Amino acid sequence: MADVTIDIIKNGPYIVKGDVEMKDADGSSYPVEKRMALCRCGASTEKPFCDGTHSKIGFQAAEKAVPESAEA
């Protein structure tokens, strides 16, 4: 398996590094990049990529995953 890392930026995007292929809901591939910043706040105008809007809207991410949450 290729070396891929996903770093979580506090109150910011997910940084994906490594050889990874990303496809949209229709199965179309995005251009392969060695580093991608993926939106976590939902307000980016460049979704699924981060455009920095999280800092303008004061996005506050959860501190950690909550195993008991309904989404888990």
Protein backbone atom coordinates (compact mmCIF):
# COMPACT_ATOMS: atom_id res chain seq x y z
CA MET A 1 0.00 0.00 0.00
CA ALA A 2 1.22 3.49 -0.80
CA ASP A 3 2.35 5.78 1.97
CA VAL A 4 -0.60 8.06 2.66
CA THR A 5 -1.05 10.30 5.68
CA ILE A 6 -3.99 12.40 6.77
CA ASP A 7 -3.18 15.21 9.17
CA ILE A 8 -5.95 17.09 10.94
CA ILE A 9 -5.35 20.82 11.24
CA LYS A 10 -6.90 22.26 14.40
CA ASN A 11 -10.12 24.01 13.31
CA GLY A 12 -8.98 23.61 9.72
CA PRO A 13 -8.82 21.13 6.86
CA TYR A 14 -7.70 17.55 6.54
CA ILE A 15 -4.27 17.48 4.84
CA VAL A 16 -3.91 14.34 2.71
CA LYS A 17 -0.36 13.52 1.62
CA GLY A 18 0.74 10.69 -0.65
CA ASP A 19 -0.37 8.91 -3.78
CA VAL A 20 -4.13 8.78 -3.46
CA GLU A 21 -6.91 8.82 -6.02
CA MET A 22 -10.03 10.79 -5.12
CA LYS A 23 -13.34 10.37 -6.92
CA ASP A 24 -16.56 12.35 -6.68
CA ALA A 25 -20.01 10.85 -6.06
CA ASP A 26 -20.38 10.12 -9.79
CA GLY A 27 -17.07 8.24 -9.92
CA SER A 28 -15.18 10.97 -11.77
CA SER A 29 -11.56 11.30 -10.66
CA TYR A 30 -9.96 14.51 -9.49
CA PRO A 31 -6.43 15.24 -10.72
CA VAL A 32 -3.89 13.33 -8.62
CA GLU A 33 -1.98 15.59 -6.25
CA LYS A 34 0.75 14.70 -3.73
CA ARG A 35 -0.90 17.01 -1.14
CA MET A 36 -4.54 18.01 -0.82
CA ALA A 37 -6.32 20.14 1.77
CA LEU A 38 -9.88 18.87 2.15
CA CYS A 39 -12.63 21.09 3.58
CA ARG A 40 -13.97 20.14 6.98
CA CYS A 41 -16.13 23.18 7.76
CA GLY A 42 -18.50 22.80 4.80
CA ALA A 43 -18.24 26.47 3.78
CA SER A 44 -15.50 26.30 1.12
CA THR A 45 -16.41 27.54 -2.35
CA GLU A 46 -13.87 25.04 -3.73
CA LYS A 47 -15.35 21.87 -2.18
CA PRO A 48 -14.12 19.28 -1.59
CA PHE A 49 -10.95 21.36 -1.26
CA CYS A 50 -10.27 23.93 1.45
CA ASP A 51 -10.20 27.60 0.45
CA GLY A 52 -9.48 29.02 3.91
CA THR A 53 -13.08 29.97 4.70
CA HIS A 54 -12.88 28.09 8.02
CA SER A 55 -10.78 30.92 9.47
CA LYS A 56 -13.23 33.60 8.28
CA ILE A 57 -16.30 31.92 9.79
CA GLY A 58 -14.69 30.85 13.07
CA PHE A 59 -15.05 27.13 12.45
CA GLN A 60 -14.61 25.10 15.65
CA ALA A 61 -13.99 21.41 15.10
CA ALA A 62 -14.63 18.66 17.59
CA GLU A 63 -11.57 18.03 19.74
CA LYS A 64 -11.69 14.27 19.12
CA ALA A 65 -13.89 11.53 17.80
CA VAL A 66 -16.73 10.50 20.07
CA PRO A 67 -17.30 6.72 19.79
CA GLU A 68 -20.79 6.96 21.31
CA SER A 69 -22.04 9.53 18.76
CA ALA A 70 -24.90 8.61 16.44
CA GLU A 71 -22.60 9.06 13.44
CA ALA A 72 -20.07 6.45 14.57
